[in-house]
C-alpha cells in the first residue's frame, strides 16, 4: 500500500488497523484490501476504481462507519478536504 497514505497502527493474527490520510486531488495506485470496516474521522469525497475500471464516488461523513468486502482498487480524493479514516481489516 501507499506509505504516504496508509499507516499501520496495530496488527495481530486476526485484525489490522490502518490510518488513511489522502490529500485533496491525491490518488493511490491499484492495491488490495481485505474485508474491512471503515470509520471516517472527517467529511470527504472519494472515488474508488476497481480492476474492471468501474468507478464509484462516495461521500464520507465524519463519524460514519462503512463495511467493504475485500477489493482491489485505486483511490482518488475528489473533494476539497483531506480524507481521514481508520480501516479495520479482518484476517
N, C-alpha and C. Protein backbone atom coordinates (compact mmCIF):
# COMPACT_ATOMS: atom_id res chain seq x y z
N UNK A 1 0.84 -1.19 0.00
CA UNK A 1 0.00 0.00 0.00
C UNK A 1 0.88 1.25 0.00
N UNK A 2 0.28 2.37 -0.28
CA UNK A 2 0.99 3.64 -0.36
C UNK A 2 1.39 4.12 1.04
N UNK A 3 2.69 4.14 1.37
CA UNK A 3 3.10 4.55 2.72
C UNK A 3 2.84 6.01 3.04
N UNK A 4 2.64 6.84 2.01
CA UNK A 4 2.32 8.25 2.24
C UNK A 4 0.84 8.43 2.58
N UNK A 5 0.03 7.38 2.39
CA UNK A 5 -1.41 7.44 2.64
C UNK A 5 -1.80 6.55 3.82
N UNK A 6 -1.25 5.35 3.86
CA UNK A 6 -1.66 4.35 4.85
C UNK A 6 -0.58 4.11 5.89
N UNK A 7 -0.99 4.06 7.16
CA UNK A 7 -0.07 3.78 8.25
C UNK A 7 -0.69 2.69 9.13
N UNK A 8 0.02 1.58 9.32
CA UNK A 8 -0.48 0.50 10.18
C UNK A 8 -0.30 0.93 11.63
N UNK A 9 -1.41 1.00 12.36
CA UNK A 9 -1.39 1.40 13.76
C UNK A 9 -1.34 0.20 14.70
N UNK A 10 -1.89 -0.94 14.24
CA UNK A 10 -1.93 -2.15 15.06
C UNK A 10 -2.13 -3.34 14.15
N UNK A 11 -1.51 -4.47 14.51
CA UNK A 11 -1.72 -5.69 13.73
C UNK A 11 -1.46 -6.90 14.61
N UNK A 12 -2.34 -7.90 14.47
CA UNK A 12 -2.10 -9.20 15.10
C UNK A 12 -2.59 -10.27 14.13
N UNK A 13 -2.78 -11.50 14.60
CA UNK A 13 -3.17 -12.58 13.69
C UNK A 13 -4.64 -12.52 13.26
N UNK A 14 -5.43 -11.61 13.81
CA UNK A 14 -6.87 -11.55 13.49
C UNK A 14 -7.31 -10.25 12.81
N UNK A 15 -6.57 -9.15 13.03
CA UNK A 15 -7.02 -7.86 12.52
C UNK A 15 -5.82 -6.94 12.27
N UNK A 16 -6.02 -5.99 11.36
CA UNK A 16 -5.03 -4.93 11.12
C UNK A 16 -5.77 -3.61 11.14
N UNK A 17 -5.27 -2.64 11.91
CA UNK A 17 -5.85 -1.30 11.99
C UNK A 17 -4.94 -0.36 11.22
N UNK A 18 -5.54 0.33 10.24
CA UNK A 18 -4.79 1.22 9.35
C UNK A 18 -5.39 2.61 9.41
N UNK A 19 -4.52 3.62 9.53
CA UNK A 19 -4.96 5.01 9.40
C UNK A 19 -4.72 5.42 7.95
N UNK A 20 -5.74 6.01 7.33
CA UNK A 20 -5.63 6.50 5.95
C UNK A 20 -5.81 8.01 5.94
N UNK A 21 -4.89 8.68 5.25
CA UNK A 21 -4.97 10.14 5.07
C UNK A 21 -4.64 10.43 3.62
N UNK A 22 -5.63 10.95 2.89
CA UNK A 22 -5.46 11.22 1.47
C UNK A 22 -5.80 12.68 1.21
N UNK A 23 -4.83 13.42 0.73
CA UNK A 23 -4.98 14.85 0.49
C UNK A 23 -5.89 15.13 -0.71
N UNK A 24 -6.51 16.30 -0.77
CA UNK A 24 -7.37 16.65 -1.91
C UNK A 24 -6.62 16.49 -3.24
N UNK A 25 -7.25 15.81 -4.18
CA UNK A 25 -6.65 15.60 -5.50
C UNK A 25 -5.69 14.43 -5.58
N UNK A 26 -5.29 13.88 -4.45
CA UNK A 26 -4.31 12.79 -4.43
C UNK A 26 -4.96 11.48 -4.85
N UNK A 27 -4.14 10.57 -5.36
CA UNK A 27 -4.59 9.24 -5.78
C UNK A 27 -3.66 8.17 -5.23
N UNK A 28 -4.15 6.95 -5.21
CA UNK A 28 -3.31 5.80 -4.89
C UNK A 28 -3.33 4.86 -6.09
N UNK A 29 -2.27 4.09 -6.24
CA UNK A 29 -2.22 3.07 -7.28
C UNK A 29 -3.15 1.92 -6.88
N UNK A 30 -3.42 1.04 -7.81
CA UNK A 30 -4.24 -0.15 -7.54
C UNK A 30 -3.59 -0.94 -6.39
N UNK A 31 -4.41 -1.32 -5.41
CA UNK A 31 -3.92 -2.08 -4.26
C UNK A 31 -5.06 -2.93 -3.70
N UNK A 32 -4.74 -3.80 -2.75
CA UNK A 32 -5.72 -4.74 -2.21
C UNK A 32 -6.05 -4.41 -0.75
N UNK A 33 -7.34 -4.56 -0.41
CA UNK A 33 -7.79 -4.52 0.98
C UNK A 33 -8.55 -5.80 1.26
N UNK A 34 -8.34 -6.36 2.43
CA UNK A 34 -9.16 -7.48 2.90
C UNK A 34 -10.53 -6.92 3.29
N UNK A 35 -11.49 -7.81 3.66
CA UNK A 35 -12.76 -7.34 4.22
C UNK A 35 -12.44 -6.31 5.30
N UNK A 36 -13.13 -5.16 5.28
CA UNK A 36 -12.78 -4.13 6.25
C UNK A 36 -13.96 -3.25 6.63
N UNK A 37 -13.85 -2.73 7.83
CA UNK A 37 -14.78 -1.74 8.37
C UNK A 37 -14.03 -0.41 8.39
N UNK A 38 -14.64 0.62 7.81
CA UNK A 38 -14.02 1.94 7.76
C UNK A 38 -14.78 2.88 8.68
N UNK A 39 -14.03 3.60 9.51
CA UNK A 39 -14.61 4.64 10.37
C UNK A 39 -14.02 5.97 9.94
N UNK A 40 -14.88 6.89 9.49
CA UNK A 40 -14.42 8.17 8.96
C UNK A 40 -14.22 9.19 10.08
N UNK A 41 -13.05 9.80 10.09
CA UNK A 41 -12.73 10.81 11.09
C UNK A 41 -13.01 12.22 10.58
N UNK A 42 -13.29 12.35 9.28
CA UNK A 42 -13.57 13.66 8.68
C UNK A 42 -14.50 13.47 7.49
N UNK A 43 -15.23 14.52 7.14
CA UNK A 43 -16.04 14.51 5.92
C UNK A 43 -15.12 14.51 4.71
N UNK A 44 -15.56 13.91 3.62
CA UNK A 44 -14.75 13.92 2.41
C UNK A 44 -15.48 13.28 1.25
N UNK A 45 -14.85 13.32 0.08
CA UNK A 45 -15.37 12.69 -1.13
C UNK A 45 -14.25 11.91 -1.77
N UNK A 46 -14.57 10.69 -2.17
CA UNK A 46 -13.56 9.82 -2.75
C UNK A 46 -14.16 9.01 -3.89
N UNK A 47 -13.33 8.71 -4.89
CA UNK A 47 -13.73 7.84 -5.99
C UNK A 47 -12.87 6.58 -5.92
N UNK A 48 -13.53 5.42 -5.96
CA UNK A 48 -12.84 4.14 -5.97
C UNK A 48 -12.98 3.53 -7.37
N UNK A 49 -11.88 3.09 -7.96
CA UNK A 49 -11.90 2.42 -9.26
C UNK A 49 -11.39 1.01 -9.08
N UNK A 50 -12.22 0.03 -9.48
CA UNK A 50 -11.82 -1.37 -9.31
C UNK A 50 -11.03 -1.86 -10.52
N UNK A 51 -10.65 -3.13 -10.48
CA UNK A 51 -9.81 -3.71 -11.54
C UNK A 51 -10.47 -3.69 -12.92
N UNK A 52 -11.80 -3.69 -12.95
CA UNK A 52 -12.50 -3.68 -14.24
C UNK A 52 -12.59 -2.27 -14.83
N UNK A 53 -12.20 -1.26 -14.03
CA UNK A 53 -12.30 0.12 -14.48
C UNK A 53 -13.56 0.82 -14.02
N UNK A 54 -14.45 0.10 -13.33
CA UNK A 54 -15.67 0.71 -12.81
C UNK A 54 -15.33 1.62 -11.64
N UNK A 55 -15.87 2.83 -11.67
CA UNK A 55 -15.62 3.82 -10.62
C UNK A 55 -16.91 4.15 -9.90
N UNK A 56 -16.81 4.20 -8.56
CA UNK A 56 -17.94 4.68 -7.76
C UNK A 56 -17.45 5.85 -6.92
N UNK A 57 -18.29 6.85 -6.78
CA UNK A 57 -17.97 8.00 -5.94
C UNK A 57 -18.73 7.88 -4.64
N UNK A 58 -18.04 8.16 -3.53
CA UNK A 58 -18.62 8.01 -2.21
C UNK A 58 -18.42 9.30 -1.42
N UNK A 59 -19.49 9.79 -0.81
CA UNK A 59 -19.37 10.91 0.13
C UNK A 59 -19.20 10.31 1.52
N UNK A 60 -18.18 10.76 2.22
CA UNK A 60 -17.86 10.25 3.55
C UNK A 60 -18.26 11.28 4.59
N UNK A 61 -18.87 10.82 5.67
CA UNK A 61 -19.27 11.71 6.76
C UNK A 61 -18.50 11.35 8.01
N UNK A 62 -17.98 12.35 8.71
CA UNK A 62 -17.28 12.11 9.97
C UNK A 62 -18.20 11.35 10.92
N UNK A 63 -17.67 10.32 11.56
CA UNK A 63 -18.43 9.53 12.50
C UNK A 63 -19.21 8.39 11.87
N UNK A 64 -19.16 8.28 10.56
CA UNK A 64 -19.87 7.22 9.84
C UNK A 64 -18.99 5.98 9.72
N UNK A 65 -19.59 4.82 9.86
CA UNK A 65 -18.90 3.55 9.67
C UNK A 65 -19.45 2.87 8.41
N UNK A 66 -18.56 2.32 7.60
CA UNK A 66 -18.94 1.65 6.35
C UNK A 66 -18.26 0.30 6.27
N UNK A 67 -18.95 -0.70 5.72
CA UNK A 67 -18.39 -2.03 5.51
C UNK A 67 -18.04 -2.20 4.04
N UNK A 68 -16.83 -2.73 3.77
CA UNK A 68 -16.42 -3.02 2.40
C UNK A 68 -15.88 -4.44 2.33
N UNK A 69 -16.38 -5.24 1.38
CA UNK A 69 -15.80 -6.56 1.18
C UNK A 69 -14.41 -6.42 0.55
N UNK A 70 -13.63 -7.48 0.60
CA UNK A 70 -12.28 -7.46 0.03
C UNK A 70 -12.33 -6.93 -1.40
N UNK A 71 -11.33 -6.12 -1.75
CA UNK A 71 -11.34 -5.47 -3.07
C UNK A 71 -9.93 -5.07 -3.47
N UNK A 72 -9.71 -5.04 -4.78
CA UNK A 72 -8.54 -4.40 -5.38
C UNK A 72 -9.07 -3.12 -6.01
N UNK A 73 -8.46 -1.99 -5.67
CA UNK A 73 -8.94 -0.72 -6.21
C UNK A 73 -7.86 0.35 -6.13
N UNK A 74 -8.09 1.43 -6.87
CA UNK A 74 -7.31 2.66 -6.70
C UNK A 74 -8.26 3.68 -6.09
N UNK A 75 -7.69 4.70 -5.48
CA UNK A 75 -8.49 5.69 -4.77
C UNK A 75 -8.10 7.09 -5.23
N UNK A 76 -9.10 7.98 -5.36
CA UNK A 76 -8.85 9.37 -5.74
C UNK A 76 -9.69 10.26 -4.83
N UNK A 77 -9.04 11.18 -4.12
CA UNK A 77 -9.75 12.15 -3.29
C UNK A 77 -10.29 13.22 -4.22
N UNK A 78 -11.60 13.19 -4.45
CA UNK A 78 -12.23 14.13 -5.37
C UNK A 78 -12.78 15.37 -4.67
N UNK A 79 -12.62 15.43 -3.36
CA UNK A 79 -13.13 16.56 -2.59
C UNK A 79 -12.09 17.63 -2.35
N UNK A 80 -12.45 18.60 -1.53
CA UNK A 80 -11.56 19.73 -1.22
C UNK A 80 -10.95 19.62 0.17
N UNK A 81 -11.20 18.50 0.87
CA UNK A 81 -10.66 18.29 2.21
C UNK A 81 -9.91 16.96 2.26
N UNK A 82 -9.05 16.83 3.25
CA UNK A 82 -8.33 15.58 3.45
C UNK A 82 -9.31 14.47 3.83
N UNK A 83 -9.18 13.30 3.20
CA UNK A 83 -9.91 12.11 3.62
C UNK A 83 -9.11 11.50 4.76
N UNK A 84 -9.75 11.32 5.90
CA UNK A 84 -9.06 10.79 7.10
C UNK A 84 -9.95 9.71 7.70
N UNK A 85 -9.48 8.47 7.64
CA UNK A 85 -10.29 7.33 8.07
C UNK A 85 -9.43 6.29 8.79
N UNK A 86 -10.11 5.44 9.57
CA UNK A 86 -9.49 4.26 10.16
C UNK A 86 -10.08 3.04 9.47
N UNK A 87 -9.22 2.12 9.03
CA UNK A 87 -9.66 0.89 8.39
C UNK A 87 -9.32 -0.27 9.31
N UNK A 88 -10.32 -1.07 9.61
CA UNK A 88 -10.15 -2.27 10.44
C UNK A 88 -10.26 -3.46 9.49
N UNK A 89 -9.13 -4.02 9.07
CA UNK A 89 -9.11 -5.14 8.13
C UNK A 89 -9.13 -6.46 8.89
N UNK A 90 -10.05 -7.34 8.50
CA UNK A 90 -10.13 -8.67 9.08
C UNK A 90 -9.17 -9.60 8.37
N UNK A 91 -8.61 -10.53 9.12
CA UNK A 91 -7.70 -11.52 8.53
C UNK A 91 -8.36 -12.87 8.48
